[in-house]
Amino acid sequence: MRMLATPDQQISLTDPDARSMATSGRGSGVVGYNVQVAVDTKHHLIVTHEVTNVGTDRSQLASVAKQTKDTLETESLDVVADRGYFNSAEILACEEAGITVTDDNLERKGGGAFRNAGLPLRG
């Protein structure tokens, strides 16, 4: 009953904040956390990071990209994200914040021209 009362219907007996994270497309996974990291490709330094208990990356792009833009104190930012981050609302939020997103999923779907980005975001 307690599990059904939680918003995501999950309970971890060892860490109450941890959640099930998919590790493959075959339904396997581990109980843990999802860490997002933004890295400056020129200097190979971590610019920002975020730890969540959300099992996918789809809702993480705008938050980490905005934190990165704030940390770098820049008016605009180009980011590269893999297909795990593809989410139209997240990409729109980035665009509205002056962040240009290059996503390999957009390229496969014929999303148009892309800029050479300097800061990849990977989960």
N, C-alpha and C. Protein backbone atom coordinates (compact mmCIF):
# COMPACT_ATOMS: atom_id res chain seq x y z
N MET A 1 0.81 -1.20 0.00
CA MET A 1 0.00 0.00 0.00
C MET A 1 0.85 1.26 0.00
N ARG A 2 1.94 1.27 0.77
CA ARG A 2 2.79 2.46 0.85
C ARG A 2 3.35 2.82 -0.52
N MET A 3 3.72 1.80 -1.31
CA MET A 3 4.28 2.04 -2.63
C MET A 3 3.26 2.72 -3.54
N LEU A 4 2.01 2.31 -3.48
CA LEU A 4 0.98 2.89 -4.32
C LEU A 4 0.70 4.35 -3.96
N ALA A 5 1.03 4.75 -2.74
CA ALA A 5 0.80 6.13 -2.30
C ALA A 5 1.89 7.09 -2.76
N THR A 6 3.03 6.56 -3.25
CA THR A 6 4.10 7.45 -3.70
C THR A 6 3.81 7.92 -5.12
N PRO A 7 4.26 9.14 -5.48
CA PRO A 7 3.95 9.68 -6.81
C PRO A 7 4.43 8.80 -7.97
N ASP A 8 5.58 8.16 -7.83
CA ASP A 8 6.10 7.33 -8.92
C ASP A 8 5.95 5.84 -8.64
N GLN A 9 5.25 5.50 -7.59
CA GLN A 9 4.97 4.12 -7.19
C GLN A 9 6.24 3.29 -7.05
N GLN A 10 7.26 3.90 -6.41
CA GLN A 10 8.52 3.22 -6.13
C GLN A 10 8.92 3.45 -4.68
N ILE A 11 9.53 2.44 -4.10
CA ILE A 11 10.10 2.56 -2.75
C ILE A 11 11.44 1.83 -2.76
N SER A 12 12.46 2.50 -2.27
CA SER A 12 13.76 1.86 -2.10
C SER A 12 13.93 1.58 -0.61
N LEU A 13 14.22 0.36 -0.27
CA LEU A 13 14.38 -0.01 1.14
C LEU A 13 15.72 0.43 1.70
N THR A 14 16.71 0.68 0.84
CA THR A 14 18.04 1.09 1.32
C THR A 14 18.26 2.59 1.28
N ASP A 15 17.59 3.29 0.37
CA ASP A 15 17.74 4.74 0.24
C ASP A 15 16.40 5.31 -0.23
N PRO A 16 15.67 5.98 0.64
CA PRO A 16 14.33 6.42 0.29
C PRO A 16 14.25 7.39 -0.89
N ASP A 17 15.34 8.08 -1.21
CA ASP A 17 15.33 9.03 -2.33
C ASP A 17 15.74 8.40 -3.66
N ALA A 18 16.36 7.23 -3.65
CA ALA A 18 16.81 6.57 -4.87
C ALA A 18 15.61 6.04 -5.65
N ARG A 19 15.79 5.95 -6.98
CA ARG A 19 14.74 5.44 -7.85
C ARG A 19 15.33 4.47 -8.87
N SER A 20 14.46 3.69 -9.48
CA SER A 20 14.88 2.74 -10.50
C SER A 20 15.32 3.49 -11.74
N MET A 21 16.53 3.18 -12.21
CA MET A 21 17.11 3.81 -13.40
C MET A 21 17.32 2.73 -14.45
N ALA A 22 16.77 2.93 -15.63
CA ALA A 22 16.96 1.98 -16.72
C ALA A 22 18.41 2.00 -17.17
N THR A 23 18.99 0.84 -17.39
CA THR A 23 20.37 0.77 -17.86
C THR A 23 20.45 0.24 -19.29
N SER A 24 19.34 -0.24 -19.82
CA SER A 24 19.31 -0.72 -21.21
C SER A 24 17.88 -0.69 -21.70
N GLY A 25 17.70 -0.96 -22.96
CA GLY A 25 16.37 -1.02 -23.54
C GLY A 25 15.66 -2.33 -23.26
N ARG A 26 16.25 -3.18 -22.46
CA ARG A 26 15.69 -4.51 -22.21
C ARG A 26 14.98 -4.61 -20.87
N GLY A 27 14.71 -3.48 -20.25
CA GLY A 27 13.98 -3.50 -19.00
C GLY A 27 14.84 -3.71 -17.77
N SER A 28 16.15 -3.81 -17.94
CA SER A 28 17.00 -3.97 -16.77
C SER A 28 17.36 -2.60 -16.21
N GLY A 29 17.77 -2.57 -14.95
CA GLY A 29 18.13 -1.30 -14.34
C GLY A 29 18.73 -1.49 -12.97
N VAL A 30 19.02 -0.36 -12.35
CA VAL A 30 19.56 -0.35 -10.99
C VAL A 30 18.81 0.72 -10.20
N VAL A 31 18.82 0.59 -8.89
CA VAL A 31 18.25 1.61 -8.03
C VAL A 31 19.37 2.59 -7.71
N GLY A 32 19.14 3.86 -8.01
CA GLY A 32 20.20 4.85 -7.78
C GLY A 32 19.75 6.24 -8.14
N TYR A 33 20.68 7.01 -8.69
CA TYR A 33 20.44 8.41 -9.05
C TYR A 33 20.88 8.66 -10.48
N ASN A 34 20.39 9.74 -11.05
CA ASN A 34 20.72 10.15 -12.40
C ASN A 34 21.55 11.43 -12.29
N VAL A 35 22.77 11.40 -12.77
CA VAL A 35 23.67 12.55 -12.68
C VAL A 35 23.83 13.18 -14.06
N GLN A 36 23.61 14.48 -14.13
CA GLN A 36 23.80 15.25 -15.35
C GLN A 36 25.06 16.08 -15.18
N VAL A 37 25.89 16.15 -16.21
CA VAL A 37 27.14 16.90 -16.15
C VAL A 37 27.29 17.69 -17.44
N ALA A 38 27.65 18.97 -17.32
CA ALA A 38 27.97 19.81 -18.47
C ALA A 38 29.47 20.02 -18.48
N VAL A 39 30.10 19.75 -19.63
CA VAL A 39 31.56 19.81 -19.75
C VAL A 39 31.95 20.79 -20.85
N ASP A 40 32.91 21.65 -20.55
CA ASP A 40 33.48 22.57 -21.54
C ASP A 40 34.42 21.74 -22.42
N THR A 41 34.13 21.64 -23.71
CA THR A 41 34.94 20.78 -24.57
C THR A 41 36.32 21.34 -24.87
N LYS A 42 36.49 22.63 -24.75
CA LYS A 42 37.81 23.22 -25.01
C LYS A 42 38.80 22.87 -23.89
N HIS A 43 38.36 23.00 -22.65
CA HIS A 43 39.25 22.77 -21.51
C HIS A 43 39.01 21.44 -20.81
N HIS A 44 37.94 20.75 -21.19
CA HIS A 44 37.58 19.45 -20.61
C HIS A 44 37.33 19.56 -19.11
N LEU A 45 36.69 20.64 -18.71
CA LEU A 45 36.36 20.85 -17.30
C LEU A 45 34.85 20.77 -17.09
N ILE A 46 34.45 20.24 -15.94
CA ILE A 46 33.04 20.21 -15.59
C ILE A 46 32.61 21.62 -15.23
N VAL A 47 31.56 22.10 -15.88
CA VAL A 47 31.05 23.45 -15.63
C VAL A 47 29.96 23.41 -14.57
N THR A 48 29.09 22.43 -14.65
CA THR A 48 28.03 22.27 -13.67
C THR A 48 27.58 20.81 -13.63
N HIS A 49 26.88 20.45 -12.58
CA HIS A 49 26.33 19.10 -12.48
C HIS A 49 25.02 19.16 -11.70
N GLU A 50 24.24 18.11 -11.84
CA GLU A 50 22.97 18.02 -11.13
C GLU A 50 22.68 16.54 -10.87
N VAL A 51 22.22 16.23 -9.68
CA VAL A 51 21.86 14.87 -9.32
C VAL A 51 20.35 14.82 -9.10
N THR A 52 19.68 13.90 -9.78
CA THR A 52 18.23 13.77 -9.64
C THR A 52 17.88 12.30 -9.40
N ASN A 53 16.62 12.08 -9.05
CA ASN A 53 16.14 10.71 -8.96
C ASN A 53 15.12 10.44 -10.07
N VAL A 54 15.18 11.24 -11.12
CA VAL A 54 14.34 11.05 -12.31
C VAL A 54 15.04 10.01 -13.19
N GLY A 55 14.31 9.00 -13.60
CA GLY A 55 14.90 7.86 -14.30
C GLY A 55 15.35 8.07 -15.73
N THR A 56 14.97 9.18 -16.36
CA THR A 56 15.39 9.44 -17.73
C THR A 56 16.00 10.84 -17.84
N ASP A 57 16.65 11.09 -18.97
CA ASP A 57 17.27 12.40 -19.20
C ASP A 57 16.32 13.39 -19.89
N ARG A 58 15.18 12.93 -20.34
CA ARG A 58 14.30 13.75 -21.19
C ARG A 58 13.88 15.08 -20.57
N SER A 59 13.83 15.20 -19.26
CA SER A 59 13.41 16.45 -18.63
C SER A 59 14.57 17.18 -17.96
N GLN A 60 15.79 16.85 -18.33
CA GLN A 60 16.96 17.41 -17.65
C GLN A 60 17.71 18.48 -18.44
N LEU A 61 17.50 18.58 -19.73
CA LEU A 61 18.31 19.44 -20.59
C LEU A 61 18.25 20.92 -20.22
N ALA A 62 17.07 21.50 -20.14
CA ALA A 62 16.94 22.94 -19.91
C ALA A 62 17.54 23.35 -18.58
N SER A 63 17.30 22.59 -17.54
CA SER A 63 17.82 22.93 -16.22
C SER A 63 19.34 22.99 -16.21
N VAL A 64 19.98 21.95 -16.73
CA VAL A 64 21.44 21.91 -16.73
C VAL A 64 22.02 22.95 -17.69
N ALA A 65 21.39 23.13 -18.83
CA ALA A 65 21.87 24.13 -19.79
C ALA A 65 21.78 25.54 -19.22
N LYS A 66 20.67 25.84 -18.54
CA LYS A 66 20.52 27.17 -17.92
C LYS A 66 21.53 27.38 -16.80
N GLN A 67 21.76 26.35 -15.99
CA GLN A 67 22.78 26.45 -14.93
C GLN A 67 24.15 26.70 -15.54
N THR A 68 24.43 26.04 -16.64
CA THR A 68 25.71 26.20 -17.33
C THR A 68 25.87 27.62 -17.85
N LYS A 69 24.82 28.13 -18.47
CA LYS A 69 24.85 29.50 -18.99
C LYS A 69 25.08 30.50 -17.86
N ASP A 70 24.42 30.29 -16.73
CA ASP A 70 24.60 31.18 -15.57
C ASP A 70 26.02 31.09 -15.03
N THR A 71 26.54 29.88 -14.91
CA THR A 71 27.90 29.69 -14.39
C THR A 71 28.93 30.37 -15.28
N LEU A 72 28.75 30.25 -16.59
CA LEU A 72 29.69 30.85 -17.54
C LEU A 72 29.45 32.35 -17.74
N GLU A 73 28.35 32.85 -17.18
CA GLU A 73 27.99 34.27 -17.28
C GLU A 73 28.04 34.75 -18.73
N THR A 74 27.31 34.05 -19.58
CA THR A 74 27.28 34.37 -21.01
C THR A 74 25.85 34.66 -21.45
N GLU A 75 25.72 35.45 -22.50
CA GLU A 75 24.40 35.80 -23.03
C GLU A 75 23.79 34.67 -23.86
N SER A 76 24.64 33.89 -24.51
CA SER A 76 24.16 32.80 -25.35
C SER A 76 25.05 31.58 -25.13
N LEU A 77 24.53 30.43 -25.51
CA LEU A 77 25.26 29.18 -25.29
C LEU A 77 24.83 28.18 -26.35
N ASP A 78 25.78 27.43 -26.89
CA ASP A 78 25.48 26.32 -27.79
C ASP A 78 25.74 25.03 -27.03
N VAL A 79 24.80 24.11 -27.09
CA VAL A 79 24.96 22.82 -26.42
C VAL A 79 24.69 21.68 -27.38
N VAL A 80 25.31 20.56 -27.11
CA VAL A 80 25.08 19.32 -27.87
C VAL A 80 24.50 18.31 -26.89
N ALA A 81 23.43 17.65 -27.31
CA ALA A 81 22.80 16.65 -26.45
C ALA A 81 22.53 15.40 -27.27
N ASP A 82 22.65 14.24 -26.65
CA ASP A 82 22.33 13.02 -27.38
C ASP A 82 20.82 12.79 -27.37
N ARG A 83 20.37 11.77 -28.07
CA ARG A 83 18.94 11.57 -28.26
C ARG A 83 18.18 11.29 -26.97
N GLY A 84 18.87 10.91 -25.92
CA GLY A 84 18.21 10.68 -24.64
C GLY A 84 17.61 11.93 -24.04
N TYR A 85 18.06 13.09 -24.51
CA TYR A 85 17.55 14.37 -24.01
C TYR A 85 16.43 14.93 -24.87
N PHE A 86 16.09 14.26 -25.97
CA PHE A 86 15.11 14.84 -26.90
C PHE A 86 13.76 15.02 -26.23
N ASN A 87 13.34 16.28 -26.15
CA ASN A 87 12.05 16.66 -25.58
C ASN A 87 11.76 18.06 -26.11
N SER A 88 10.71 18.21 -26.89
CA SER A 88 10.41 19.49 -27.54
C SER A 88 10.27 20.63 -26.54
N ALA A 89 9.62 20.39 -25.41
CA ALA A 89 9.44 21.45 -24.41
C ALA A 89 10.78 21.88 -23.82
N GLU A 90 11.68 20.94 -23.59
CA GLU A 90 13.00 21.27 -23.05
C GLU A 90 13.82 22.07 -24.07
N ILE A 91 13.74 21.68 -25.33
CA ILE A 91 14.48 22.39 -26.38
C ILE A 91 13.93 23.80 -26.55
N LEU A 92 12.61 23.95 -26.50
CA LEU A 92 12.00 25.27 -26.58
C LEU A 92 12.42 26.15 -25.40
N ALA A 93 12.45 25.58 -24.19
CA ALA A 93 12.88 26.34 -23.01
C ALA A 93 14.32 26.81 -23.17
N CYS A 94 15.15 25.97 -23.76
CA CYS A 94 16.54 26.37 -24.02
C CYS A 94 16.59 27.52 -25.02
N GLU A 95 15.87 27.38 -26.12
CA GLU A 95 15.86 28.43 -27.14
C GLU A 95 15.39 29.76 -26.55
N GLU A 96 14.36 29.72 -25.71
CA GLU A 96 13.85 30.94 -25.08
C GLU A 96 14.86 31.56 -24.13
N ALA A 97 15.79 30.76 -23.62
CA ALA A 97 16.83 31.25 -22.70
C ALA A 97 18.11 31.63 -23.43
N GLY A 98 18.10 31.62 -24.76
CA GLY A 98 19.29 31.98 -25.52
C GLY A 98 20.28 30.84 -25.66
N ILE A 99 19.78 29.62 -25.58
CA ILE A 99 20.62 28.43 -25.66
C ILE A 99 20.25 27.66 -26.93
N THR A 100 21.21 27.47 -27.82
CA THR A 100 20.99 26.73 -29.06
C THR A 100 21.33 25.26 -28.81
N VAL A 101 20.40 24.39 -29.14
CA VAL A 101 20.57 22.96 -28.89
C VAL A 101 20.82 22.22 -30.19
N THR A 102 21.86 21.41 -30.21
CA THR A 102 22.09 20.45 -31.28
C THR A 102 21.83 19.09 -30.67
N ASP A 103 20.89 18.37 -31.27
CA ASP A 103 20.46 17.07 -30.74
C ASP A 103 20.50 16.08 -31.90
N ASP A 104 21.19 14.97 -31.75
CA ASP A 104 21.30 14.02 -32.85
C ASP A 104 19.94 13.47 -33.27
N ASN A 105 18.96 13.49 -32.40
CA ASN A 105 17.62 13.05 -32.74
C ASN A 105 16.97 14.03 -33.73
N LEU A 106 17.22 15.33 -33.54
CA LEU A 106 16.69 16.32 -34.48
C LEU A 106 17.29 16.12 -35.86
N GLU A 107 18.58 15.84 -35.90
CA GLU A 107 19.26 15.65 -37.17
C GLU A 107 18.67 14.47 -37.94
N ARG A 108 18.40 13.37 -37.24
CA ARG A 108 17.82 12.19 -37.89
C ARG A 108 16.41 12.48 -38.40
N LYS A 109 15.70 13.38 -37.72
CA LYS A 109 14.33 13.70 -38.12
C LYS A 109 14.27 14.85 -39.11
N GLY A 110 15.44 15.30 -39.62
CA GLY A 110 15.45 16.39 -40.59
C GLY A 110 15.20 17.74 -39.96
N GLY A 111 15.75 17.98 -38.78
CA GLY A 111 15.50 19.21 -38.04
C GLY A 111 16.19 20.44 -38.58
N GLY A 112 16.94 20.37 -39.66
CA GLY A 112 17.53 21.57 -40.23
C GLY A 112 18.97 21.77 -39.86
N ALA A 113 19.42 23.01 -40.01
CA ALA A 113 20.83 23.36 -39.80
C ALA A 113 21.20 23.33 -38.32
N PHE A 114 22.45 23.00 -38.06
CA PHE A 114 22.95 22.97 -36.70
C PHE A 114 24.25 23.73 -36.63
N ARG A 115 24.49 24.34 -35.50
CA ARG A 115 25.74 25.06 -35.27
C ARG A 115 26.75 24.13 -34.62
N ASN A 116 28.02 24.43 -34.81
CA ASN A 116 29.07 23.66 -34.15
C ASN A 116 29.08 24.08 -32.69
N ALA A 117 28.63 23.23 -31.81
CA ALA A 117 28.48 23.59 -30.40
C ALA A 117 29.75 23.31 -29.62
N GLY A 118 29.95 24.07 -28.54
CA GLY A 118 31.16 23.94 -27.75
C GLY A 118 30.96 23.31 -26.40
N LEU A 119 29.75 22.91 -26.04
CA LEU A 119 29.53 22.38 -24.71
C LEU A 119 28.56 21.21 -24.76
N PRO A 120 29.03 19.97 -24.76
CA PRO A 120 28.11 18.85 -24.79
C PRO A 120 27.51 18.59 -23.42
N LEU A 121 26.29 18.13 -23.40
CA LEU A 121 25.64 17.72 -22.17
C LEU A 121 25.38 16.24 -22.28
N ARG A 122 25.85 15.49 -21.32
CA ARG A 122 25.68 14.04 -21.37
C ARG A 122 25.24 13.54 -20.01
N GLY A 123 24.40 12.49 -20.03
CA GLY A 123 23.92 11.90 -18.79
C GLY A 123 24.74 10.75 -18.36
